[in-house]
Amino acid sequence: MHARRHPRFGPPDRDRGPIVSPRIVAPGERACPRCHDGIRPTDLYCRSCGLDVKLLAPLPPTDRNVGVWTTPGPQGIDVYRPLRRSTRVLQALVLAVAAVGVLLGAVGLLMWRQIGGGIWPLFPATSSSLDWSALHLWATRLAALQVGLVVVASIATVLWTRRAYRNLAGLDVHAKRLAPGWATAGWFVPGANLIVPKAIVDYTWRASEPRAASDGEWRSPIPTVNHLWWICTLVALPIMALAFMELSALGTTPPSLLGDIHAARATLVLLAVAELLVLFAAGLFVRTLGSITERQALRAARLGPPAAMVTLADITSGRAAADRAEQERNAAALDDLDDDPGADEGDDDSWYSEPWPDDEPALARFGAHDDLSGKY
């Protein structure tokens, strides 16, 4: 039974709503989003505040944590993020470095022809209308552009390696051989940057096996492409740096002395070899990036989200839907109350339209009025 108190003088008192008695959330229950009391799995409404909990996301079993974690959880703060977008950006940068290298090699071939180097067997280039100074200017600009692209691609590679290695925790891989910090620091520590980055990439490729267990031994052999990429990179970068230093030493006029001519020819040959290695390493690296990305995507699709992960979006959307349904029920109750012929004409019911305070339950139990208790 529920009624309102009517003072002799003045409007009726505001209904303070039901009294919510706090309860302890027992094991197997979930907390109500509004009053934080326990809700049993079979409850349709909160037993304290009356909130409709049918639209809330059900609690998953707590004994299953295996899956792809996209939020911090039992695996730690490292979560899974898809690599497709970052992989495409990095592949585009690597291919841009290779394309600029091809142009630089072609300019070097024309410079070779200018100093009487003859025709290369595999590159029968025709004579060019550009003189030595114009070719030297183009070679210098292309070399500077390639150095800038290499720097940007190197930074992107460090970030990509860090993200791919940290994805392993979100992909239910726990037996890491190196700390996650080495995925970044390994590129900058002298001496270690010759071994650690390759070990990180190899372990990331191997641990991303779609059918491998979380703590099992991954026996898949590392592809030859991964080995060749690292070897070509270690050989190409020093040769390219040396070739650029020698290229900057060449003057804007073609050499005339025999010794200078031989030195210029050696520089151009070194430049061509470096660009061929860069082109080969770029193709292998693009293949390695795509392979790791696809393996992680397949592993994520096979594992699926863990049953123990309840995102905040599920709770928020369920609570919003429950609040909307509750407002509709309150509006319907107000309409029924206004249409009740037994209600006193002198009663001031305007307080029903006022918003409820934030510290009071928003669900009122209507249906009984003055005919139950009367005025006094």
Protein backbone atom coordinates (compact mmCIF):
# COMPACT_ATOMS: atom_id res chain seq x y z
CA MET A 1 0.00 0.00 0.00
CA HIS A 2 1.27 3.44 -0.90
CA ALA A 3 -0.26 6.85 -0.29
CA ARG A 4 0.59 10.50 -0.04
CA ARG A 5 0.50 12.68 3.03
CA HIS A 6 -1.84 15.71 2.69
CA PRO A 7 -1.23 18.52 5.15
CA ARG A 8 -4.23 20.57 6.15
CA PHE A 9 -2.77 23.70 4.59
CA GLY A 10 -0.54 23.62 1.55
CA PRO A 11 0.20 21.24 -1.28
CA PRO A 12 0.79 17.54 -0.69
CA ASP A 13 4.24 16.44 0.33
CA ARG A 14 6.55 15.09 -2.31
CA ASP A 15 6.77 11.36 -2.52
CA ARG A 16 10.26 10.31 -1.55
CA GLY A 17 9.94 7.00 -3.33
CA PRO A 18 10.76 3.56 -2.04
CA ILE A 19 13.38 3.12 0.63
CA VAL A 20 16.43 1.40 -0.80
CA SER A 21 18.06 -0.90 1.67
CA PRO A 22 21.71 -1.61 0.85
CA ARG A 23 22.71 -5.19 0.26
CA ILE A 24 26.01 -6.93 -0.31
CA VAL A 25 26.62 -8.20 -3.84
CA ALA A 26 26.89 -11.95 -3.41
CA PRO A 27 29.04 -14.19 -5.63
CA GLY A 28 27.34 -14.81 -8.95
CA GLU A 29 25.42 -11.52 -8.80
CA ARG A 30 26.12 -8.26 -10.60
CA ALA A 31 25.85 -4.73 -9.29
CA CYS A 32 22.87 -2.63 -10.33
CA PRO A 33 24.01 0.32 -12.48
CA ARG A 34 21.78 2.66 -10.44
CA CYS A 35 21.81 1.61 -6.77
CA HIS A 36 24.77 -0.82 -6.92
CA ASP A 37 22.87 -3.57 -5.13
CA GLY A 38 23.11 -7.18 -6.14
CA ILE A 39 21.11 -8.51 -9.10
CA ARG A 40 20.66 -12.26 -9.44
CA PRO A 41 20.86 -13.85 -12.90
CA THR A 42 17.14 -14.63 -12.78
CA ASP A 43 16.04 -11.10 -11.78
CA LEU A 44 14.12 -9.02 -14.29
CA TYR A 45 14.02 -5.93 -12.07
CA CYS A 46 16.33 -4.67 -9.38
CA ARG A 47 14.88 -5.67 -6.01
CA SER A 48 15.89 -2.33 -4.47
CA CYS A 49 15.23 0.42 -7.03
CA GLY A 50 13.06 -1.44 -9.54
CA LEU A 51 15.37 -0.86 -12.52
CA ASP A 52 14.54 -2.99 -15.53
CA VAL A 53 17.66 -5.14 -15.98
CA LYS A 54 16.42 -7.30 -18.86
CA LEU A 55 18.28 -5.09 -21.36
CA LEU A 56 21.61 -5.22 -19.55
CA ALA A 57 24.32 -7.38 -21.05
CA PRO A 58 24.44 -10.75 -19.26
CA LEU A 59 27.44 -11.60 -17.16
CA PRO A 60 29.74 -14.09 -18.90
CA PRO A 61 31.33 -16.97 -17.02
CA THR A 62 34.36 -15.89 -15.04
CA ASP A 63 36.32 -19.10 -15.62
CA ARG A 64 37.15 -18.30 -19.27
CA ASN A 65 39.71 -15.58 -19.96
CA VAL A 66 41.08 -16.99 -23.22
CA GLY A 67 40.46 -14.73 -26.18
CA VAL A 68 41.40 -11.46 -27.84
CA TRP A 69 41.60 -8.71 -25.24
CA THR A 70 40.94 -5.23 -26.63
CA THR A 71 40.76 -3.64 -23.16
CA PRO A 72 43.10 -3.99 -20.15
CA GLY A 73 42.35 -7.17 -18.28
CA PRO A 74 44.06 -10.21 -16.76
CA GLN A 75 46.74 -10.05 -19.45
CA GLY A 76 47.82 -6.57 -18.31
CA ILE A 77 47.61 -3.20 -20.03
CA ASP A 78 48.81 -4.51 -23.41
CA VAL A 79 45.80 -5.01 -25.69
CA TYR A 80 45.29 -6.14 -29.25
CA ARG A 81 45.07 -3.54 -32.00
CA PRO A 82 44.70 -4.58 -35.67
CA LEU A 83 47.80 -3.89 -37.75
CA ARG A 84 46.26 -3.54 -41.19
CA ARG A 85 46.23 0.25 -41.35
CA SER A 86 49.72 0.77 -39.90
CA THR A 87 51.04 -2.04 -42.08
CA ARG A 88 49.75 -0.37 -45.24
CA VAL A 89 51.33 2.94 -44.24
CA LEU A 90 54.68 1.31 -43.52
CA GLN A 91 54.57 -0.72 -46.73
CA ALA A 92 53.87 2.47 -48.71
CA LEU A 93 56.88 4.16 -47.11
CA VAL A 94 59.15 1.21 -47.84
CA LEU A 95 58.00 1.04 -51.46
CA ALA A 96 58.55 4.81 -51.77
CA VAL A 97 62.15 4.34 -50.61
CA ALA A 98 62.61 1.62 -53.21
CA ALA A 99 61.04 3.73 -55.99
CA VAL A 100 63.31 6.68 -55.24
CA GLY A 101 66.24 4.26 -55.23
CA VAL A 102 65.32 3.03 -58.70
CA LEU A 103 65.25 6.61 -60.00
CA LEU A 104 68.58 7.34 -58.34
CA GLY A 105 70.09 4.24 -59.91
CA ALA A 106 68.86 5.34 -63.33
CA VAL A 107 70.44 8.77 -62.85
CA GLY A 108 73.65 7.08 -61.79
CA LEU A 109 73.60 5.00 -64.98
CA LEU A 110 73.31 8.18 -67.07
CA MET A 111 76.21 9.70 -65.15
CA TRP A 112 78.18 6.56 -65.89
CA ARG A 113 77.59 7.15 -69.58
CA GLN A 114 78.76 10.76 -69.30
CA ILE A 115 82.24 9.77 -68.15
CA GLY A 116 82.66 7.09 -70.81
CA GLY A 117 81.69 4.10 -68.74
CA GLY A 118 80.13 2.32 -71.71
CA ILE A 119 76.87 0.35 -71.73
CA TRP A 120 75.98 -1.95 -68.89
CA PRO A 121 75.01 -5.46 -70.04
CA LEU A 122 71.58 -5.47 -68.40
CA PHE A 123 70.86 -1.72 -68.75
CA PRO A 124 71.30 -0.61 -72.39
CA ALA A 125 70.57 3.08 -71.71
CA THR A 126 70.64 5.56 -74.54
CA SER A 127 72.49 8.85 -74.44
CA SER A 128 70.78 11.62 -72.47
CA SER A 129 70.39 15.28 -73.33
CA LEU A 130 71.18 16.22 -69.71
CA ASP A 131 74.71 17.29 -68.99
CA TRP A 132 76.82 16.23 -66.02
CA SER A 133 75.81 19.16 -63.78
CA ALA A 134 72.09 18.52 -64.27
CA LEU A 135 72.50 14.81 -63.58
CA HIS A 136 74.57 15.55 -60.48
CA LEU A 137 71.86 17.91 -59.23
CA TRP A 138 69.17 15.29 -59.75
CA ALA A 139 71.29 12.65 -58.03
CA THR A 140 71.87 14.91 -55.03
CA ARG A 141 68.18 15.75 -54.67
CA LEU A 142 67.08 12.15 -55.02
CA ALA A 143 69.68 11.06 -52.46
CA ALA A 144 68.42 13.66 -49.98
CA LEU A 145 64.81 12.56 -50.61
CA GLN A 146 65.71 8.93 -50.09
CA VAL A 147 67.51 9.70 -46.83
CA GLY A 148 64.42 11.53 -45.55
CA LEU A 149 62.16 8.64 -46.52
CA VAL A 150 64.50 6.17 -44.85
CA VAL A 151 64.35 8.15 -41.60
CA VAL A 152 60.54 8.30 -41.66
CA ALA A 153 60.29 4.61 -42.57
CA SER A 154 62.70 3.73 -39.75
CA ILE A 155 60.55 5.55 -37.18
CA ALA A 156 57.43 3.86 -38.55
CA THR A 157 59.19 0.49 -38.36
CA VAL A 158 60.03 0.99 -34.69
CA LEU A 159 56.43 1.93 -33.89
CA TRP A 160 55.07 -0.97 -35.92
CA THR A 161 57.38 -3.48 -34.24
CA ARG A 162 56.38 -2.19 -30.80
CA ARG A 163 52.67 -2.48 -31.62
CA ALA A 164 52.98 -5.94 -33.15
CA TYR A 165 54.97 -7.26 -30.17
CA ARG A 166 52.56 -5.79 -27.63
CA ASN A 167 49.65 -7.35 -29.52
CA LEU A 168 50.83 -10.77 -28.42
CA ALA A 169 49.55 -10.24 -24.86
CA GLY A 170 46.10 -9.39 -26.18
CA LEU A 171 46.28 -12.49 -28.42
CA ASP A 172 46.69 -14.78 -25.39
CA VAL A 173 50.46 -15.20 -25.73
CA HIS A 174 52.15 -15.13 -22.34
CA ALA A 175 55.56 -16.79 -22.82
CA LYS A 176 57.50 -13.77 -24.09
CA ARG A 177 61.26 -14.14 -24.36
CA LEU A 178 62.03 -10.41 -24.11
CA ALA A 179 60.37 -7.60 -22.21
CA PRO A 180 58.07 -5.37 -24.28
CA GLY A 181 60.44 -2.46 -23.83
CA TRP A 182 63.04 -4.19 -25.99
CA ALA A 183 60.72 -3.89 -28.99
CA THR A 184 61.59 -0.18 -28.94
CA ALA A 185 64.96 0.00 -27.17
CA GLY A 186 66.40 -2.82 -29.24
CA TRP A 187 66.57 -0.55 -32.29
CA PHE A 188 68.70 2.10 -30.53
CA VAL A 189 71.13 0.20 -28.28
CA PRO A 190 74.46 -0.09 -30.14
CA GLY A 191 75.38 -3.67 -30.83
CA ALA A 192 72.00 -4.96 -29.70
CA ASN A 193 70.33 -3.31 -32.70
CA LEU A 194 72.03 -5.90 -34.90
CA ILE A 195 70.32 -8.82 -33.14
CA VAL A 196 67.36 -7.74 -30.99
CA PRO A 197 65.09 -6.30 -33.75
CA LYS A 198 65.43 -9.47 -35.80
CA ALA A 199 64.70 -11.58 -32.71
CA ILE A 200 61.62 -9.47 -31.93
CA VAL A 201 60.29 -9.79 -35.48
CA ASP A 202 60.97 -13.54 -35.57
CA TYR A 203 59.29 -14.13 -32.23
CA THR A 204 56.31 -12.00 -33.25
CA TRP A 205 55.92 -13.99 -36.45
CA ARG A 206 56.22 -17.32 -34.64
CA ALA A 207 53.95 -16.44 -31.70
CA SER A 208 51.25 -15.15 -34.07
CA GLU A 209 50.61 -18.70 -35.24
CA PRO A 210 46.79 -19.02 -35.48
CA ARG A 211 46.74 -22.61 -34.18
CA ALA A 212 49.39 -22.27 -31.45
CA ALA A 213 48.60 -22.42 -27.74
CA SER A 214 49.22 -19.49 -25.44
CA ASP A 215 52.19 -20.98 -23.60
CA GLY A 216 53.17 -23.72 -26.03
CA GLU A 217 56.31 -24.14 -28.05
CA TRP A 218 56.00 -22.74 -31.53
CA ARG A 219 57.87 -25.06 -33.85
CA SER A 220 57.11 -23.28 -37.11
CA PRO A 221 60.41 -22.46 -38.84
CA ILE A 222 61.15 -18.85 -39.59
CA PRO A 223 60.66 -18.18 -43.32
CA THR A 224 63.71 -17.55 -45.45
CA VAL A 225 62.18 -14.24 -46.48
CA ASN A 226 62.63 -12.93 -42.94
CA HIS A 227 66.31 -13.89 -42.88
CA LEU A 228 67.03 -12.43 -46.30
CA TRP A 229 65.28 -9.18 -45.42
CA TRP A 230 67.47 -8.62 -42.38
CA ILE A 231 70.69 -9.60 -44.17
CA CYS A 232 69.96 -7.32 -47.14
CA THR A 233 69.08 -4.45 -44.80
CA LEU A 234 72.29 -4.79 -42.77
CA VAL A 235 74.35 -4.88 -45.97
CA ALA A 236 72.45 -2.22 -47.94
CA LEU A 237 72.37 0.58 -45.36
CA PRO A 238 76.16 0.92 -44.85
CA ILE A 239 76.82 0.63 -48.58
CA MET A 240 74.16 3.25 -49.33
CA ALA A 241 75.61 5.62 -46.71
CA LEU A 242 79.11 5.20 -48.18
CA ALA A 243 77.80 5.71 -51.72
CA PHE A 244 76.02 8.92 -50.70
CA MET A 245 79.18 10.26 -49.07
CA GLU A 246 81.17 9.57 -52.25
CA LEU A 247 78.39 11.02 -54.40
CA SER A 248 78.43 14.27 -52.44
CA ALA A 249 82.18 14.47 -53.06
CA LEU A 250 81.71 14.50 -56.84
CA GLY A 251 81.86 17.94 -58.41
CA THR A 252 79.39 19.62 -60.69
CA THR A 253 81.79 19.10 -63.62
CA PRO A 254 82.75 15.69 -64.96
CA PRO A 255 86.16 14.43 -63.81
CA SER A 256 89.00 14.79 -66.30
CA LEU A 257 91.91 13.05 -64.63
CA LEU A 258 92.18 9.29 -64.98
CA GLY A 259 92.23 8.71 -61.23
CA ASP A 260 89.15 10.86 -60.69
CA ILE A 261 87.34 9.07 -63.50
CA HIS A 262 88.02 5.67 -61.91
CA ALA A 263 86.91 6.98 -58.52
CA ALA A 264 83.67 8.36 -59.97
CA ARG A 265 82.99 5.07 -61.73
CA ALA A 266 83.55 3.16 -58.47
CA THR A 267 81.18 5.52 -56.67
CA LEU A 268 78.44 5.00 -59.26
CA VAL A 269 78.91 1.23 -59.20
CA LEU A 270 78.69 1.29 -55.40
CA LEU A 271 75.53 3.40 -55.65
CA ALA A 272 73.94 0.96 -58.09
CA VAL A 273 74.75 -2.03 -55.88
CA ALA A 274 73.32 -0.26 -52.82
CA GLU A 275 70.08 0.60 -54.61
CA LEU A 276 69.67 -2.96 -55.85
CA LEU A 277 70.06 -4.23 -52.29
CA VAL A 278 67.57 -1.62 -51.05
CA LEU A 279 65.09 -2.69 -53.69
CA PHE A 280 65.51 -6.35 -52.76
CA ALA A 281 65.28 -5.64 -49.01
CA ALA A 282 62.17 -3.48 -49.50
CA GLY A 283 60.33 -6.26 -51.31
CA LEU A 284 61.25 -8.81 -48.65
CA PHE A 285 60.28 -6.45 -45.82
CA VAL A 286 56.89 -5.75 -47.38
CA ARG A 287 56.31 -9.50 -47.54
CA THR A 288 57.33 -9.93 -43.89
CA LEU A 289 55.00 -7.15 -42.73
CA GLY A 290 52.07 -8.63 -44.60
CA SER A 291 52.76 -12.11 -43.24
CA ILE A 292 52.80 -11.03 -39.59
CA THR A 293 49.68 -8.90 -40.04
CA GLU A 294 47.73 -11.74 -41.63
CA ARG A 295 48.82 -14.24 -38.97
CA GLN A 296 47.72 -11.97 -36.14
CA ALA A 297 44.40 -11.29 -37.85
CA LEU A 298 43.78 -15.03 -38.28
CA ARG A 299 44.70 -15.73 -34.67
CA ALA A 300 42.35 -13.00 -33.47
CA ALA A 301 39.53 -14.39 -35.63
CA ARG A 302 40.11 -17.91 -34.29
CA LEU A 303 40.22 -16.93 -30.60
CA GLY A 304 37.38 -14.41 -30.62
CA PRO A 305 36.64 -12.10 -27.68
CA PRO A 306 36.99 -13.62 -24.19
CA ALA A 307 33.80 -14.40 -22.34
CA ALA A 308 35.07 -12.64 -19.21
CA MET A 309 35.35 -9.25 -20.93
CA VAL A 310 32.36 -6.94 -20.40
CA THR A 311 32.99 -3.59 -22.04
CA LEU A 312 31.74 -0.34 -20.64
CA ALA A 313 29.77 0.23 -23.83
CA ASP A 314 27.56 -2.79 -23.13
CA ILE A 315 26.69 -1.59 -19.64
CA THR A 316 26.17 2.01 -20.75
CA SER A 317 23.91 1.09 -23.66
CA GLY A 318 21.89 -1.29 -21.51
CA ARG A 319 21.50 1.30 -18.79
CA ALA A 320 20.41 3.97 -21.26
CA ALA A 321 17.82 1.64 -22.76
CA ALA A 322 16.54 0.73 -19.30
CA ASP A 323 16.27 4.40 -18.33
CA ARG A 324 14.30 5.19 -21.49
CA ALA A 325 11.90 2.33 -20.81
CA GLU A 326 11.50 3.51 -17.22
CA GLN A 327 10.67 7.05 -18.34
CA GLU A 328 8.01 5.71 -20.66
CA ARG A 329 6.46 3.69 -17.83
CA ASN A 330 6.47 6.75 -15.55
CA ALA A 331 4.83 8.87 -18.26
CA ALA A 332 2.16 6.22 -18.77
CA ALA A 333 1.54 6.09 -15.02
CA LEU A 334 1.13 9.87 -14.92
CA ASP A 335 -1.35 9.73 -17.77
CA ASP A 336 -3.36 7.07 -15.94
CA LEU A 337 -3.29 9.16 -12.81
CA ASP A 338 -4.55 12.25 -14.62
CA ASP A 339 -7.37 10.28 -16.22
CA ASP A 340 -8.48 8.75 -12.90
CA PRO A 341 -12.01 10.13 -12.15
CA GLY A 342 -11.62 9.43 -8.43
CA ALA A 343 -8.76 11.86 -7.98
CA ASP A 344 -9.46 15.03 -5.97
CA GLU A 345 -9.97 18.05 -8.13
CA GLY A 346 -8.25 20.37 -5.67
CA ASP A 347 -5.04 18.41 -5.50
CA ASP A 348 -2.00 20.04 -6.99
CA ASP A 349 -0.32 17.33 -9.06
CA SER A 350 2.06 19.68 -10.80
CA TRP A 351 4.97 18.28 -8.81
CA TYR A 352 4.80 15.10 -10.88
CA SER A 353 6.23 16.99 -13.85
CA GLU A 354 9.25 18.21 -11.90
CA PRO A 355 12.53 16.37 -12.54
CA TRP A 356 13.60 13.90 -9.89
CA PRO A 357 16.69 14.80 -7.90
CA ASP A 358 19.85 12.91 -8.79
CA ASP A 359 20.17 11.45 -5.31
CA GLU A 360 16.68 9.92 -5.32
CA PRO A 361 15.41 6.87 -7.21
CA ALA A 362 13.71 7.80 -10.46
CA LEU A 363 11.20 4.95 -10.38
CA ALA A 364 8.09 5.81 -8.32
CA ARG A 365 5.42 3.32 -7.51
CA PHE A 366 2.20 4.99 -8.59
CA GLY A 367 -1.29 3.64 -8.43
CA ALA A 368 -2.56 4.56 -4.97
CA HIS A 369 -3.78 7.96 -3.86
CA ASP A 370 -6.06 9.78 -1.52
CA ASP A 371 -8.88 7.26 -1.43
CA LEU A 372 -6.56 4.85 0.42
CA SER A 373 -5.61 7.14 3.31
CA GLY A 374 -7.67 10.30 2.91
CA LYS A 375 -6.83 13.73 4.15
CA TYR A 376 -6.15 14.50 7.80
